[in-house]
N, C-alpha and C. Protein backbone atom coordinates (compact mmCIF):
# COMPACT_ATOMS: atom_id res chain seq x y z
N MET A 1 -10.99 4.48 5.12
CA MET A 1 -10.55 5.08 6.14
C MET A 1 -10.75 4.88 7.55
N SER A 2 -9.77 4.86 8.34
CA SER A 2 -9.63 3.96 9.79
C SER A 2 -10.15 4.54 10.98
N THR A 3 -11.09 4.03 11.43
CA THR A 3 -11.67 4.58 12.70
C THR A 3 -11.26 4.55 13.94
N LEU A 4 -11.51 5.29 15.07
CA LEU A 4 -11.32 4.65 16.23
C LEU A 4 -11.66 3.16 16.80
N GLY A 5 -12.73 2.83 15.89
CA GLY A 5 -13.06 1.53 16.46
C GLY A 5 -12.04 0.55 15.62
N LYS A 6 -11.38 0.71 14.52
CA LYS A 6 -10.70 0.06 13.86
C LYS A 6 -9.40 -0.01 14.41
N ARG A 7 -8.88 1.22 14.88
CA ARG A 7 -7.81 1.14 15.43
C ARG A 7 -7.48 0.51 16.86
N MET A 8 -8.80 0.97 17.36
CA MET A 8 -9.00 -0.15 18.67
C MET A 8 -8.89 -1.40 18.52
N ARG A 9 -9.33 -2.03 17.60
CA ARG A 9 -9.43 -3.27 17.47
C ARG A 9 -8.33 -3.99 16.96
N GLU A 10 -7.48 -3.18 16.38
CA GLU A 10 -6.04 -3.47 15.52
C GLU A 10 -5.16 -3.77 16.83
N ALA A 11 -4.95 -2.64 17.46
CA ALA A 11 -4.36 -2.56 18.91
C ALA A 11 -4.71 -3.64 19.90
N ARG A 12 -5.69 -3.96 20.12
CA ARG A 12 -6.21 -5.02 21.04
C ARG A 12 -5.64 -6.40 20.26
N GLU A 13 -5.79 -6.41 18.98
CA GLU A 13 -5.41 -7.92 18.74
C GLU A 13 -3.86 -7.83 18.42
N SER A 14 -3.45 -7.00 18.03
CA SER A 14 -1.73 -7.04 18.26
C SER A 14 -1.30 -7.53 19.43
N LYS A 15 -2.04 -7.11 20.64
CA LYS A 15 -1.43 -7.68 21.84
C LYS A 15 -1.97 -8.87 22.16
N GLY A 16 -2.82 -9.63 21.28
CA GLY A 16 -3.15 -10.73 21.51
C GLY A 16 -4.26 -11.15 22.65
N LEU A 17 -5.11 -9.96 22.54
CA LEU A 17 -6.33 -9.80 23.96
C LEU A 17 -7.78 -10.03 23.17
N LEU A 18 -8.48 -10.77 23.96
CA LEU A 18 -9.78 -11.05 23.50
C LEU A 18 -10.70 -9.71 24.30
N GLN A 19 -11.81 -9.43 23.52
CA GLN A 19 -12.70 -8.32 24.16
C GLN A 19 -12.83 -8.51 25.61
N ASN A 20 -13.25 -9.73 25.93
CA ASN A 20 -13.69 -9.73 27.11
C ASN A 20 -12.26 -9.59 28.32
N GLN A 21 -11.16 -9.69 27.55
CA GLN A 21 -10.08 -9.56 28.28
C GLN A 21 -9.56 -8.09 28.69
N LEU A 22 -10.05 -7.42 27.46
CA LEU A 22 -9.76 -5.96 27.32
C LEU A 22 -10.68 -5.22 28.36
N ALA A 23 -11.72 -5.69 28.62
CA ALA A 23 -13.19 -5.11 29.19
C ALA A 23 -12.51 -5.45 30.83
N LYS A 24 -11.94 -6.36 31.35
CA LYS A 24 -11.75 -6.71 32.28
C LYS A 24 -10.47 -5.73 32.96
N MET A 25 -9.40 -5.32 32.00
CA MET A 25 -8.39 -4.62 32.13
C MET A 25 -8.81 -3.27 32.48
N ILE A 26 -9.81 -2.69 31.86
CA ILE A 26 -10.08 -1.25 31.95
C ILE A 26 -11.26 -1.21 32.56
N GLY A 27 -12.08 -2.29 33.47
CA GLY A 27 -13.19 -2.06 34.35
C GLY A 27 -14.27 -1.64 33.56
N ALA A 28 -14.59 -2.33 32.10
CA ALA A 28 -15.82 -1.93 31.34
C ALA A 28 -16.62 -3.39 31.69
N ARG A 29 -17.97 -2.72 31.71
CA ARG A 29 -19.04 -4.10 32.00
C ARG A 29 -18.82 -5.30 31.28
N SER A 30 -18.59 -5.35 30.18
CA SER A 30 -18.69 -6.52 29.35
C SER A 30 -17.95 -6.35 27.94
N ALA A 31 -17.65 -7.60 27.49
CA ALA A 31 -17.20 -7.72 26.19
C ALA A 31 -17.87 -6.84 25.01
N GLY A 32 -19.61 -6.84 25.50
CA GLY A 32 -20.29 -6.06 24.15
C GLY A 32 -19.84 -4.36 24.35
N VAL A 33 -19.53 -4.16 25.38
CA VAL A 33 -19.03 -2.57 25.17
C VAL A 33 -18.02 -2.41 24.46
N ILE A 34 -17.05 -3.42 24.47
CA ILE A 34 -15.80 -3.36 23.80
C ILE A 34 -16.21 -3.31 22.22
N SER A 35 -17.03 -4.28 22.08
CA SER A 35 -17.57 -4.52 20.45
C SER A 35 -18.09 -3.43 20.36
N ASN A 36 -18.99 -3.01 20.61
CA ASN A 36 -19.82 -1.68 20.38
C ASN A 36 -18.55 -0.44 20.06
N TRP A 37 -17.56 -0.34 21.21
CA TRP A 37 -16.61 0.72 20.35
C TRP A 37 -16.30 0.57 19.17
N GLU A 38 -15.60 -0.85 19.03
CA GLU A 38 -14.86 -1.28 17.72
C GLU A 38 -15.66 -1.22 16.47
N ASN A 39 -16.82 -1.28 16.55
CA ASN A 39 -17.80 -1.02 15.57
C ASN A 39 -18.45 0.18 15.39
N ASP A 40 -17.69 1.28 16.05
CA ASP A 40 -17.93 2.43 15.97
C ASP A 40 -19.46 2.73 16.15
N LEU A 41 -20.12 1.82 17.39
CA LEU A 41 -21.58 2.28 17.55
C LEU A 41 -21.40 3.35 18.36
N ASN A 42 -20.56 3.64 19.30
CA ASN A 42 -20.45 4.44 20.19
C ASN A 42 -19.17 4.70 20.28
N LYS A 43 -18.56 5.54 21.67
CA LYS A 43 -17.32 5.78 21.93
C LYS A 43 -16.82 5.72 23.24
N PRO A 44 -15.51 5.62 23.67
CA PRO A 44 -15.38 5.28 25.20
C PRO A 44 -15.17 6.78 25.67
N ASP A 45 -15.66 7.03 26.89
CA ASP A 45 -15.49 8.39 27.41
C ASP A 45 -13.75 8.72 27.73
N ILE A 46 -13.31 9.88 28.05
CA ILE A 46 -11.75 10.04 27.93
C ILE A 46 -11.07 9.01 28.83
N ASP A 47 -12.17 8.50 30.35
CA ASP A 47 -11.38 7.97 31.51
C ASP A 47 -11.36 6.48 30.73
N LYS A 48 -11.90 5.91 30.11
CA LYS A 48 -11.89 4.60 29.47
C LYS A 48 -10.86 5.01 28.34
N LEU A 49 -10.89 5.58 27.76
CA LEU A 49 -10.21 5.64 26.57
C LEU A 49 -8.55 5.86 26.93
N LEU A 50 -8.35 6.55 28.18
CA LEU A 50 -6.94 6.81 28.46
C LEU A 50 -6.51 5.38 28.88
N ALA A 51 -7.55 4.67 29.64
CA ALA A 51 -7.12 3.49 30.30
C ALA A 51 -7.24 2.30 28.92
N ILE A 52 -7.71 2.24 28.12
CA ILE A 52 -7.29 1.40 26.75
C ILE A 52 -5.92 1.77 26.31
N CYS A 53 -5.54 2.76 26.22
CA CYS A 53 -4.08 3.31 25.88
C CYS A 53 -2.91 2.84 26.76
N LYS A 54 -3.43 2.73 28.17
CA LYS A 54 -2.66 2.43 28.96
C LYS A 54 -2.38 0.93 28.90
N ALA A 55 -3.76 -0.02 28.75
CA ALA A 55 -3.64 -1.53 28.68
C ALA A 55 -3.08 -1.73 27.24
N LEU A 56 -3.22 -1.13 26.05
CA LEU A 56 -2.99 -1.79 24.98
C LEU A 56 -1.66 -0.82 24.59
N ASN A 57 -1.06 -0.27 25.37
CA ASN A 57 0.34 0.36 25.38
C ASN A 57 0.62 1.06 23.94
N VAL A 58 -0.27 1.99 23.63
CA VAL A 58 -0.89 2.87 22.54
C VAL A 58 -0.93 4.37 23.05
N SER A 59 -0.52 5.32 22.34
CA SER A 59 -0.86 6.62 22.53
C SER A 59 -2.31 7.24 22.13
N VAL A 60 -2.58 8.03 23.02
CA VAL A 60 -3.91 8.66 22.58
C VAL A 60 -3.82 9.04 21.12
N GLY A 61 -2.86 9.69 20.65
CA GLY A 61 -2.88 10.49 19.26
C GLY A 61 -3.01 9.34 18.32
N SER A 62 -1.82 8.12 18.48
CA SER A 62 -2.07 6.95 17.70
C SER A 62 -3.38 6.43 17.58
N LEU A 63 -4.14 6.09 18.79
CA LEU A 63 -5.43 5.48 18.71
C LEU A 63 -6.70 6.05 18.07
N LEU A 64 -6.36 7.87 18.11
CA LEU A 64 -7.39 8.49 17.85
C LEU A 64 -7.06 9.13 16.24
N GLY A 65 -5.95 8.48 15.82
CA GLY A 65 -5.40 8.66 14.39
C GLY A 65 -4.95 10.18 14.17
N PHE A 66 -4.42 11.15 15.31
CA PHE A 66 -3.81 12.36 14.93
C PHE A 66 -2.39 12.02 15.36
N ALA A 67 -1.78 12.79 14.52
CA ALA A 67 -0.21 13.21 14.48
C ALA A 67 0.20 14.57 13.95
N ALA A 68 1.00 14.84 15.11
CA ALA A 68 1.03 16.73 15.19
C ALA A 68 2.03 16.33 13.56
N GLU A 69 2.36 17.58 12.92
CA GLU A 69 3.20 17.74 11.76
C GLU A 69 4.78 17.41 12.17
N GLY A 70 5.14 16.59 11.41
CA GLY A 70 6.32 15.82 11.48
C GLY A 70 6.17 14.74 12.43
N GLU A 71 5.16 14.48 12.74
CA GLU A 71 5.53 13.39 14.18
C GLU A 71 5.16 12.01 13.62
N PHE A 72 5.78 10.88 13.58
CA PHE A 72 5.99 9.56 13.24
C PHE A 72 5.20 8.99 14.04
N ILE A 73 4.25 8.17 13.79
CA ILE A 73 3.04 7.33 14.48
C ILE A 73 3.07 6.29 13.91
N CYS A 74 3.28 5.37 14.44
CA CYS A 74 3.31 3.82 14.27
C CYS A 74 2.29 2.85 14.25
N SER A 75 1.57 2.23 13.89
CA SER A 75 0.44 1.64 14.10
C SER A 75 0.87 0.50 15.06
N PRO A 76 0.02 -0.13 15.82
CA PRO A 76 0.29 -1.57 16.90
C PRO A 76 0.89 -2.54 15.96
N ALA A 77 0.70 -2.85 14.68
CA ALA A 77 1.13 -3.47 14.22
C ALA A 77 2.92 -3.56 13.86
N GLU A 78 2.92 -2.27 13.62
CA GLU A 78 4.58 -1.66 13.43
C GLU A 78 5.07 -1.58 14.34
N GLN A 79 4.74 -1.06 15.61
CA GLN A 79 5.41 -1.08 16.71
C GLN A 79 5.67 -3.10 17.20
N GLN A 80 4.80 -3.42 16.94
CA GLN A 80 4.96 -5.27 17.28
C GLN A 80 6.12 -5.63 16.33
N LEU A 81 6.52 -4.90 15.21
CA LEU A 81 7.43 -5.33 14.12
C LEU A 81 8.73 -4.69 14.54
N ILE A 82 8.73 -3.32 15.24
CA ILE A 82 9.87 -2.97 16.17
C ILE A 82 10.24 -3.70 16.90
N GLU A 83 9.39 -3.75 18.07
CA GLU A 83 9.79 -4.69 19.09
C GLU A 83 10.41 -5.90 18.75
N LYS A 84 10.08 -6.56 18.14
CA LYS A 84 10.67 -7.58 17.23
C LYS A 84 12.17 -7.57 17.00
N TYR A 85 11.93 -6.66 15.95
CA TYR A 85 13.22 -6.20 15.36
C TYR A 85 14.44 -6.14 16.21
N ARG A 86 14.11 -4.99 17.29
CA ARG A 86 14.93 -4.94 18.73
C ARG A 86 15.42 -5.86 19.20
N GLY A 87 14.81 -7.21 19.09
CA GLY A 87 15.18 -8.09 20.15
C GLY A 87 16.14 -9.26 19.42
N LEU A 88 16.35 -8.88 18.16
CA LEU A 88 17.33 -9.45 17.22
C LEU A 88 18.88 -9.34 17.56
N ASP A 89 19.54 -10.31 17.07
CA ASP A 89 20.89 -10.10 17.64
C ASP A 89 21.37 -9.31 16.13
N GLU A 90 22.37 -8.94 15.90
CA GLU A 90 23.14 -8.05 14.69
C GLU A 90 22.96 -8.89 13.53
N ARG A 91 23.40 -10.36 13.81
CA ARG A 91 23.02 -10.94 12.15
C ARG A 91 21.67 -10.77 11.88
N GLY A 92 20.29 -10.96 12.91
CA GLY A 92 19.51 -10.99 12.45
C GLY A 92 18.72 -9.68 11.56
N GLN A 93 19.07 -8.57 12.64
CA GLN A 93 18.70 -7.58 12.04
C GLN A 93 19.42 -7.09 10.63
N SER A 94 20.66 -8.07 10.39
CA SER A 94 21.06 -7.54 9.19
C SER A 94 20.20 -7.98 7.86
N ALA A 95 19.90 -9.29 8.40
CA ALA A 95 19.28 -10.09 7.22
C ALA A 95 17.89 -9.66 7.07
N VAL A 96 17.29 -8.94 8.31
CA VAL A 96 15.99 -8.02 7.93
C VAL A 96 16.12 -7.00 6.93
N TRP A 97 17.49 -6.33 7.19
CA TRP A 97 17.66 -5.37 6.18
C TRP A 97 18.03 -5.70 4.93
N ALA A 98 18.49 -6.73 4.66
CA ALA A 98 18.60 -7.22 3.28
C ALA A 98 17.44 -7.36 2.74
N ILE A 99 16.59 -8.13 3.29
CA ILE A 99 15.25 -8.43 2.77
C ILE A 99 14.27 -7.12 2.53
N LEU A 100 14.32 -6.33 3.93
CA LEU A 100 13.77 -4.80 3.50
C LEU A 100 13.81 -4.20 2.40
N GLU A 101 15.42 -4.40 1.97
CA GLU A 101 15.86 -3.36 0.84
C GLU A 101 15.74 -4.10 -0.44
N HIS A 102 15.42 -5.28 -0.55
CA HIS A 102 15.04 -5.84 -2.00
C HIS A 102 13.98 -6.08 -2.05
N GLU A 103 13.07 -6.06 -1.09
CA GLU A 103 11.24 -5.76 -1.03
C GLU A 103 11.10 -4.18 -1.92
N TYR A 104 11.44 -3.34 -1.09
CA TYR A 104 11.41 -2.18 -1.31
C TYR A 104 12.08 -1.54 -2.56
N ARG A 105 12.95 -1.93 -3.00
CA ARG A 105 13.70 -1.60 -4.59
C ARG A 105 12.80 -2.48 -5.37
N ARG A 106 12.20 -3.65 -5.18
CA ARG A 106 11.33 -4.32 -6.19
C ARG A 106 9.84 -3.56 -6.22
N SER A 107 9.49 -3.30 -5.43
CA SER A 107 8.13 -2.25 -5.13
C SER A 107 8.25 -1.24 -5.76
N VAL A 108 9.35 -0.37 -5.84
CA VAL A 108 9.36 1.33 -5.77
C VAL A 108 8.83 1.26 -7.38
N GLN A 109 8.10 1.99 -7.85
CA GLN A 109 7.85 2.03 -9.44
C GLN A 109 8.16 3.61 -9.92
N ASP A 110 8.49 3.68 -11.00
CA ASP A 110 8.57 4.44 -11.81
C ASP A 110 7.05 5.57 -12.00
N ALA A 111 7.37 6.82 -12.98
CA ALA A 111 5.85 7.33 -12.93
C ALA A 111 5.06 6.49 -14.13
N SER A 112 5.71 5.80 -14.71
CA SER A 112 4.75 4.95 -16.05
C SER A 112 4.26 3.61 -14.88
N GLY A 113 4.76 3.49 -14.07
CA GLY A 113 4.25 2.49 -13.31
C GLY A 113 4.61 1.18 -13.93
N CYS A 114 5.25 1.17 -14.65
CA CYS A 114 5.66 -0.52 -15.38
C CYS A 114 7.23 -0.63 -15.33
N ARG A 115 7.78 0.25 -14.70
CA ARG A 115 9.25 -0.18 -14.68
C ARG A 115 9.86 -0.07 -12.98
N LEU A 116 10.64 -1.04 -12.63
CA LEU A 116 11.08 -0.76 -11.37
C LEU A 116 12.25 -0.60 -10.74
N VAL A 117 12.86 -0.02 -9.83
CA VAL A 117 14.26 0.68 -9.70
C VAL A 117 14.82 -0.38 -8.77
N ALA A 118 16.19 -0.80 -9.35
CA ALA A 118 16.81 -1.63 -8.42
C ALA A 118 18.33 -1.26 -8.92
N ARG A 119 18.82 -1.10 -7.67
CA ARG A 119 20.12 -0.86 -7.37
C ARG A 119 20.41 0.57 -8.32
N GLY A 120 19.49 1.67 -8.20
CA GLY A 120 19.38 2.91 -9.05
C GLY A 120 19.27 3.03 -10.32
N ALA A 121 19.12 1.68 -10.92
CA ALA A 121 19.01 1.61 -12.43
C ALA A 121 17.44 1.08 -12.63
N ALA A 122 16.53 1.90 -13.49
CA ALA A 122 15.43 1.42 -13.72
C ALA A 122 15.65 0.53 -14.67
N GLN A 123 14.56 -0.67 -14.55
CA GLN A 123 14.88 -1.93 -15.13
C GLN A 123 13.14 -2.45 -15.15
N PRO A 124 12.93 -3.24 -16.90
CA PRO A 124 11.43 -3.65 -16.38
C PRO A 124 11.26 -4.83 -15.48
N ALA A 125 9.88 -4.90 -14.94
CA ALA A 125 9.79 -5.77 -13.95
C ALA A 125 10.17 -7.17 -14.18
N GLU A 126 9.67 -7.46 -15.60
CA GLU A 126 9.85 -9.14 -15.98
C GLU A 126 11.56 -9.24 -15.65
N GLN A 127 12.46 -8.40 -16.26
CA GLN A 127 14.19 -8.51 -16.29
C GLN A 127 14.30 -8.56 -14.66
N LEU A 128 13.57 -7.84 -13.81
CA LEU A 128 14.41 -8.00 -12.19
C LEU A 128 13.79 -9.26 -11.71
N ALA A 129 12.85 -9.96 -12.43
CA ALA A 129 12.24 -11.49 -12.09
C ALA A 129 12.99 -12.37 -12.73
N SER A 130 14.29 -12.29 -13.25
CA SER A 130 14.86 -13.19 -14.06
C SER A 130 15.47 -14.15 -12.90
N GLU A 131 16.00 -15.24 -13.36
CA GLU A 131 16.32 -16.52 -12.37
C GLU A 131 17.85 -15.86 -11.95
N ASP A 132 18.60 -15.25 -12.81
CA ASP A 132 19.73 -14.32 -12.49
C ASP A 132 20.01 -13.72 -10.99
N ASN A 133 18.93 -12.88 -11.31
CA ASN A 133 18.59 -12.10 -9.83
C ASN A 133 18.01 -12.80 -8.93
N LEU A 134 17.15 -13.73 -9.11
CA LEU A 134 16.60 -14.61 -7.94
C LEU A 134 17.69 -15.21 -7.17
N ALA A 135 18.65 -15.59 -8.02
CA ALA A 135 20.01 -16.13 -7.79
C ALA A 135 20.87 -15.68 -6.85
N LYS A 136 20.86 -14.33 -7.56
CA LYS A 136 21.47 -13.42 -6.61
C LYS A 136 21.07 -12.66 -5.29
N LEU A 137 19.79 -12.65 -5.44
CA LEU A 137 19.06 -12.67 -3.81
C LEU A 137 19.46 -13.97 -3.36
N ASN A 138 19.44 -14.92 -3.69
CA ASN A 138 19.40 -16.07 -3.00
C ASN A 138 21.16 -16.16 -2.07
N GLU A 139 21.99 -15.58 -3.17
CA GLU A 139 23.31 -15.86 -2.53
C GLU A 139 23.46 -14.44 -1.28
N ILE A 140 22.50 -13.39 -1.73
CA ILE A 140 23.12 -12.50 -0.67
C ILE A 140 22.19 -13.22 0.50
N LEU A 141 21.08 -13.61 0.80
CA LEU A 141 20.35 -14.25 1.88
C LEU A 141 21.17 -15.23 2.70
N ASP A 142 22.00 -15.97 1.86
CA ASP A 142 23.02 -17.22 2.16
C ASP A 142 24.01 -16.28 2.87
N GLU A 143 24.48 -15.21 2.50
CA GLU A 143 25.79 -14.43 3.19
C GLU A 143 25.14 -14.03 4.29
N GLN A 144 24.04 -13.58 4.24
CA GLN A 144 23.40 -12.78 5.72
C GLN A 144 22.82 -14.04 6.60
N PHE A 145 22.20 -15.16 6.24
CA PHE A 145 22.03 -16.08 7.01
C PHE A 145 23.39 -17.17 7.55
N GLY A 146 24.51 -17.18 6.65
CA GLY A 146 25.67 -17.89 6.84
C GLY A 146 25.31 -19.27 5.85
N GLY A 147 24.06 -19.15 5.24
CA GLY A 147 24.17 -20.41 4.64
C GLY A 147 22.85 -21.55 5.41
N ASP A 148 22.64 -21.20 6.41
CA ASP A 148 21.88 -22.06 7.12
C ASP A 148 20.15 -21.86 7.24
N SER A 149 19.80 -20.94 6.16
CA SER A 149 18.38 -20.93 6.10
C SER A 149 17.77 -22.09 5.39
N ASN A 150 16.49 -22.30 5.92
CA ASN A 150 15.44 -23.51 5.38
C ASN A 150 15.03 -23.41 4.05
N GLU A 151 15.46 -24.26 3.12
CA GLU A 151 14.82 -24.03 1.85
C GLU A 151 13.36 -24.48 1.70
N THR A 152 12.90 -23.71 1.31
CA THR A 152 11.25 -24.43 0.96
C THR A 152 10.72 -23.91 -0.50
N GLY A 153 10.15 -25.10 -1.16
CA GLY A 153 10.20 -24.81 -2.27
C GLY A 153 9.91 -26.10 -3.31
N ALA A 154 9.38 -26.21 -4.57
CA ALA A 154 8.89 -27.70 -5.18
C ALA A 154 10.18 -28.31 -5.19
N GLN A 155 11.48 -27.74 -5.34
CA GLN A 155 12.60 -29.03 -5.28
C GLN A 155 12.47 -29.99 -4.12
N GLY A 156 12.34 -29.29 -3.01
CA GLY A 156 12.10 -29.80 -1.63
C GLY A 156 11.12 -30.64 -1.37
N ALA A 157 10.38 -30.70 -1.96
CA ALA A 157 9.15 -31.54 -1.78
C ALA A 157 9.31 -32.80 -2.70
N ASP A 158 8.69 -34.07 -2.11
CA ASP A 158 8.84 -35.28 -2.91
C ASP A 158 7.34 -36.08 -3.51
């Protein structure tokens, strides 16, 4: 279960801040205070909590783990992914979507847990991992990346 301290640490780390940097930003006495909060040894008062949210650019609700019904809350890591995605041009966003769709289809399992869904039809996982399907994925990625992707693999190693 995620705690206030764990969410605080995740938010701080996603911003690339050290505990002492966050302490200075919010007017805390030391990095030890931040450490105690992140380890759930004690909790910040409301003024410090608001300062933390402002410094880390997160909502109070997300830091406290509270979401109203129907509210969509992103973790700091998810927020970072969204920010990076928005910074991509159309080609980059299209490539991300192609990979995301492929990975989502690969990971969706039916009730038995032994079959995956791909393009609307359930198929055994080992069939989806075939050389033909990997070749098709490479074709899709080549289309999305315009054929300029770097190949990394055993074939390229000397």
